[in-house]
Amino acid sequence: TRTLFVVGDEDQCIYGWRGAQTDIFARFIGEMKRCRVCTLEKNFRSTMTITSIAQSLIEQGQGNRHNKTTRSMREGGEKAKVYSAYDDRDES
């Protein structure tokens, strides 16, 4: 028996500058017909406010991604604010 275990998050396309490819999971699933996809949808770090915003943005994204809904295990959270940074130093 040959077993291959793959872990990753197709929604981490923000790391494209490091070589991340958003279509790699779709290609893998297409090529490995007998694979089983297990999604990890519980978020233990971020509040419900943050995960709701992230989910909304992810749903608007383009590409062939596996369907998942991220849910926070932490209630509430402060209201989000939009901040337009002048440059990368200001952003950090």
N, C-alpha and C. Protein backbone atom coordinates (compact mmCIF):
# COMPACT_ATOMS: atom_id res chain seq x y z
N THR A 1 0.83 -1.18 0.00
CA THR A 1 0.00 0.00 0.00
C THR A 1 0.88 1.24 0.00
N ARG A 2 0.55 2.18 -0.85
CA ARG A 2 1.28 3.44 -0.92
C ARG A 2 0.39 4.55 -0.39
N THR A 3 0.92 5.34 0.53
CA THR A 3 0.14 6.40 1.16
C THR A 3 0.88 7.72 1.02
N LEU A 4 0.13 8.75 0.70
CA LEU A 4 0.68 10.10 0.61
C LEU A 4 -0.25 11.02 1.38
N PHE A 5 0.31 11.81 2.27
CA PHE A 5 -0.47 12.73 3.10
C PHE A 5 -0.02 14.15 2.77
N VAL A 6 -0.94 15.00 2.34
CA VAL A 6 -0.63 16.36 1.92
C VAL A 6 -1.39 17.34 2.80
N VAL A 7 -0.71 18.39 3.26
CA VAL A 7 -1.34 19.40 4.12
C VAL A 7 -1.08 20.76 3.50
N GLY A 8 -2.10 21.62 3.54
CA GLY A 8 -1.93 22.97 3.04
C GLY A 8 -3.23 23.74 3.09
N ASP A 9 -3.17 24.99 2.69
CA ASP A 9 -4.36 25.84 2.67
C ASP A 9 -4.37 26.63 1.38
N GLU A 10 -5.30 26.29 0.52
CA GLU A 10 -5.37 26.95 -0.79
C GLU A 10 -5.75 28.42 -0.68
N ASP A 11 -6.24 28.84 0.47
CA ASP A 11 -6.59 30.25 0.65
C ASP A 11 -5.39 31.11 1.05
N GLN A 12 -4.22 30.53 1.14
CA GLN A 12 -3.02 31.28 1.50
C GLN A 12 -2.32 31.84 0.27
N CYS A 13 -3.08 32.30 -0.71
CA CYS A 13 -2.51 32.83 -1.95
C CYS A 13 -1.74 34.13 -1.72
N ILE A 14 -1.84 34.68 -0.52
CA ILE A 14 -1.09 35.90 -0.23
C ILE A 14 0.42 35.64 -0.28
N TYR A 15 0.80 34.36 -0.25
CA TYR A 15 2.21 34.01 -0.30
C TYR A 15 2.70 33.71 -1.71
N GLY A 16 2.04 34.26 -2.70
CA GLY A 16 2.46 34.09 -4.09
C GLY A 16 3.88 34.59 -4.33
N TRP A 17 4.27 35.59 -3.61
CA TRP A 17 5.63 36.13 -3.75
C TRP A 17 6.68 35.13 -3.28
N ARG A 18 6.24 34.10 -2.53
CA ARG A 18 7.15 33.04 -2.08
C ARG A 18 7.01 31.78 -2.92
N GLY A 19 6.26 31.87 -3.99
CA GLY A 19 6.10 30.73 -4.87
C GLY A 19 4.83 29.93 -4.68
N ALA A 20 3.94 30.37 -3.79
CA ALA A 20 2.68 29.66 -3.57
C ALA A 20 1.84 29.70 -4.84
N GLN A 21 1.25 28.58 -5.17
CA GLN A 21 0.41 28.48 -6.36
C GLN A 21 -1.01 28.13 -5.92
N THR A 22 -1.95 29.01 -6.24
CA THR A 22 -3.31 28.82 -5.75
C THR A 22 -4.01 27.62 -6.37
N ASP A 23 -3.54 27.15 -7.51
CA ASP A 23 -4.22 26.05 -8.19
C ASP A 23 -3.64 24.67 -7.87
N ILE A 24 -2.66 24.62 -6.99
CA ILE A 24 -1.95 23.35 -6.76
C ILE A 24 -2.87 22.27 -6.17
N PHE A 25 -3.81 22.64 -5.31
CA PHE A 25 -4.71 21.65 -4.73
C PHE A 25 -5.69 21.11 -5.76
N ALA A 26 -6.22 21.98 -6.60
CA ALA A 26 -7.14 21.53 -7.64
C ALA A 26 -6.44 20.58 -8.60
N ARG A 27 -5.20 20.88 -8.94
CA ARG A 27 -4.43 19.99 -9.82
C ARG A 27 -4.18 18.64 -9.14
N PHE A 28 -3.83 18.69 -7.86
CA PHE A 28 -3.56 17.45 -7.12
C PHE A 28 -4.81 16.57 -7.07
N ILE A 29 -5.94 17.16 -6.73
CA ILE A 29 -7.20 16.41 -6.65
C ILE A 29 -7.58 15.84 -8.01
N GLY A 30 -7.33 16.61 -9.06
CA GLY A 30 -7.64 16.14 -10.41
C GLY A 30 -6.75 14.98 -10.84
N GLU A 31 -5.49 14.99 -10.41
CA GLU A 31 -4.55 13.95 -10.81
C GLU A 31 -4.64 12.71 -9.91
N MET A 32 -4.94 12.90 -8.67
CA MET A 32 -5.02 11.78 -7.72
C MET A 32 -6.49 11.44 -7.48
N LYS A 33 -7.04 10.67 -8.36
CA LYS A 33 -8.48 10.38 -8.36
C LYS A 33 -8.99 9.75 -7.07
N ARG A 34 -8.16 9.00 -6.38
CA ARG A 34 -8.61 8.30 -5.17
C ARG A 34 -8.33 9.09 -3.90
N CYS A 35 -7.93 10.33 -4.03
CA CYS A 35 -7.60 11.10 -2.82
C CYS A 35 -8.87 11.48 -2.05
N ARG A 36 -8.68 11.72 -0.78
CA ARG A 36 -9.78 12.14 0.09
C ARG A 36 -9.39 13.50 0.66
N VAL A 37 -10.30 14.45 0.58
CA VAL A 37 -10.05 15.81 1.07
C VAL A 37 -10.71 15.98 2.43
N CYS A 38 -9.93 16.39 3.41
CA CYS A 38 -10.44 16.69 4.76
C CYS A 38 -10.19 18.17 5.01
N THR A 39 -11.23 18.92 5.20
CA THR A 39 -11.06 20.35 5.45
C THR A 39 -11.06 20.63 6.94
N LEU A 40 -10.21 21.55 7.33
CA LEU A 40 -10.16 22.01 8.72
C LEU A 40 -10.82 23.38 8.74
N GLU A 41 -12.01 23.44 9.25
CA GLU A 41 -12.81 24.65 9.18
C GLU A 41 -12.90 25.42 10.49
N LYS A 42 -12.41 24.85 11.57
CA LYS A 42 -12.47 25.53 12.86
C LYS A 42 -11.23 26.40 13.05
N ASN A 43 -11.47 27.66 13.41
CA ASN A 43 -10.38 28.59 13.68
C ASN A 43 -10.39 28.89 15.17
N PHE A 44 -9.31 28.57 15.85
CA PHE A 44 -9.22 28.75 17.30
C PHE A 44 -8.52 30.05 17.68
N ARG A 45 -7.91 30.72 16.73
CA ARG A 45 -7.11 31.91 17.02
C ARG A 45 -7.89 33.22 16.83
N SER A 46 -8.60 33.33 15.73
CA SER A 46 -9.26 34.60 15.39
C SER A 46 -10.69 34.65 15.92
N THR A 47 -11.16 35.88 16.14
CA THR A 47 -12.53 36.06 16.62
C THR A 47 -13.52 35.87 15.46
N MET A 48 -14.80 35.76 15.82
CA MET A 48 -15.84 35.59 14.83
C MET A 48 -15.86 36.77 13.84
N THR A 49 -15.59 37.97 14.32
CA THR A 49 -15.56 39.13 13.43
C THR A 49 -14.54 38.94 12.33
N ILE A 50 -13.34 38.53 12.68
CA ILE A 50 -12.26 38.36 11.71
C ILE A 50 -12.54 37.21 10.75
N THR A 51 -12.98 36.07 11.26
CA THR A 51 -13.24 34.93 10.37
C THR A 51 -14.40 35.21 9.42
N SER A 52 -15.39 35.97 9.86
CA SER A 52 -16.52 36.32 8.98
C SER A 52 -16.05 37.20 7.83
N ILE A 53 -15.20 38.18 8.14
CA ILE A 53 -14.66 39.06 7.09
C ILE A 53 -13.80 38.25 6.14
N ALA A 54 -12.93 37.40 6.68
CA ALA A 54 -12.06 36.58 5.83
C ALA A 54 -12.87 35.67 4.93
N GLN A 55 -13.89 35.03 5.47
CA GLN A 55 -14.74 34.13 4.68
C GLN A 55 -15.41 34.88 3.54
N SER A 56 -15.89 36.08 3.82
CA SER A 56 -16.53 36.89 2.79
C SER A 56 -15.56 37.24 1.66
N LEU A 57 -14.33 37.60 2.02
CA LEU A 57 -13.32 37.93 1.01
C LEU A 57 -12.91 36.70 0.22
N ILE A 58 -12.75 35.57 0.89
CA ILE A 58 -12.36 34.33 0.22
C ILE A 58 -13.43 33.91 -0.79
N GLU A 59 -14.69 34.05 -0.42
CA GLU A 59 -15.78 33.67 -1.31
C GLU A 59 -15.82 34.52 -2.57
N GLN A 60 -15.30 35.74 -2.50
CA GLN A 60 -15.27 36.62 -3.66
C GLN A 60 -14.07 36.35 -4.55
N GLY A 61 -13.11 35.58 -4.04
CA GLY A 61 -11.89 35.29 -4.79
C GLY A 61 -12.17 34.46 -6.02
N GLN A 62 -11.22 34.47 -6.91
CA GLN A 62 -11.36 33.70 -8.13
C GLN A 62 -10.54 32.43 -8.02
N GLY A 63 -10.77 31.54 -8.93
CA GLY A 63 -10.00 30.32 -8.98
C GLY A 63 -10.83 29.11 -8.62
N ASN A 64 -10.22 27.98 -8.82
CA ASN A 64 -10.88 26.71 -8.57
C ASN A 64 -10.47 26.24 -7.18
N ARG A 65 -11.25 26.55 -6.18
CA ARG A 65 -10.89 26.20 -4.81
C ARG A 65 -11.90 25.23 -4.23
N HIS A 66 -11.44 24.46 -3.27
CA HIS A 66 -12.30 23.51 -2.57
C HIS A 66 -13.26 24.28 -1.67
N ASN A 67 -14.50 23.88 -1.63
CA ASN A 67 -15.52 24.58 -0.86
C ASN A 67 -15.33 24.32 0.64
N LYS A 68 -15.16 25.38 1.41
CA LYS A 68 -15.08 25.23 2.87
C LYS A 68 -15.58 26.52 3.51
N THR A 69 -16.03 26.41 4.73
CA THR A 69 -16.50 27.56 5.50
C THR A 69 -15.75 27.60 6.81
N THR A 70 -14.96 28.64 7.00
CA THR A 70 -14.18 28.77 8.22
C THR A 70 -15.06 29.35 9.33
N ARG A 71 -15.01 28.71 10.48
CA ARG A 71 -15.80 29.16 11.63
C ARG A 71 -14.87 29.39 12.81
N SER A 72 -15.13 30.49 13.51
CA SER A 72 -14.35 30.82 14.69
C SER A 72 -14.90 30.08 15.91
N MET A 73 -14.00 29.68 16.77
CA MET A 73 -14.40 29.07 18.03
C MET A 73 -14.40 30.13 19.14
N ARG A 74 -14.11 31.38 18.75
CA ARG A 74 -14.12 32.49 19.70
C ARG A 74 -15.23 33.47 19.32
N GLU A 75 -16.09 33.77 20.24
CA GLU A 75 -17.22 34.67 20.01
C GLU A 75 -16.75 36.11 19.85
N GLY A 76 -17.61 36.90 19.21
CA GLY A 76 -17.45 38.34 19.17
C GLY A 76 -16.21 38.84 18.47
N GLY A 77 -15.66 39.91 19.05
CA GLY A 77 -14.51 40.58 18.46
C GLY A 77 -14.84 42.03 18.20
N GLU A 78 -13.81 42.85 18.19
CA GLU A 78 -14.02 44.27 17.93
C GLU A 78 -14.45 44.49 16.49
N LYS A 79 -15.18 45.56 16.26
CA LYS A 79 -15.59 45.92 14.91
C LYS A 79 -14.34 46.23 14.09
N ALA A 80 -14.31 45.72 12.87
CA ALA A 80 -13.14 45.92 12.00
C ALA A 80 -13.11 47.35 11.47
N LYS A 81 -11.91 47.86 11.26
CA LYS A 81 -11.70 49.20 10.70
C LYS A 81 -10.84 49.07 9.45
N VAL A 82 -11.09 49.93 8.48
CA VAL A 82 -10.28 49.99 7.27
C VAL A 82 -9.17 51.00 7.51
N TYR A 83 -7.94 50.58 7.28
CA TYR A 83 -6.79 51.45 7.45
C TYR A 83 -5.97 51.43 6.17
N SER A 84 -5.77 52.57 5.58
CA SER A 84 -4.98 52.68 4.37
C SER A 84 -3.59 53.18 4.74
N ALA A 85 -2.62 52.27 4.66
CA ALA A 85 -1.25 52.60 5.06
C ALA A 85 -0.53 53.37 3.96
N TYR A 86 0.37 54.24 4.38
CA TYR A 86 1.16 55.03 3.44
C TYR A 86 2.19 54.16 2.73
N ASP A 87 2.82 53.28 3.48
CA ASP A 87 3.83 52.38 2.91
C ASP A 87 3.95 51.13 3.81
N ASP A 88 4.90 50.25 3.49
CA ASP A 88 5.02 49.00 4.24
C ASP A 88 5.42 49.23 5.70
N ARG A 89 6.20 50.25 5.97
CA ARG A 89 6.56 50.54 7.36
C ARG A 89 5.36 51.04 8.15
N ASP A 90 4.56 51.89 7.52
CA ASP A 90 3.35 52.38 8.16
C ASP A 90 2.39 51.23 8.41
N GLU A 91 2.32 50.31 7.50
CA GLU A 91 1.43 49.16 7.63
C GLU A 91 1.84 48.26 8.80
N SER A 92 3.13 48.10 9.02
CA SER A 92 3.58 47.22 10.10
C SER A 92 3.43 47.88 11.44
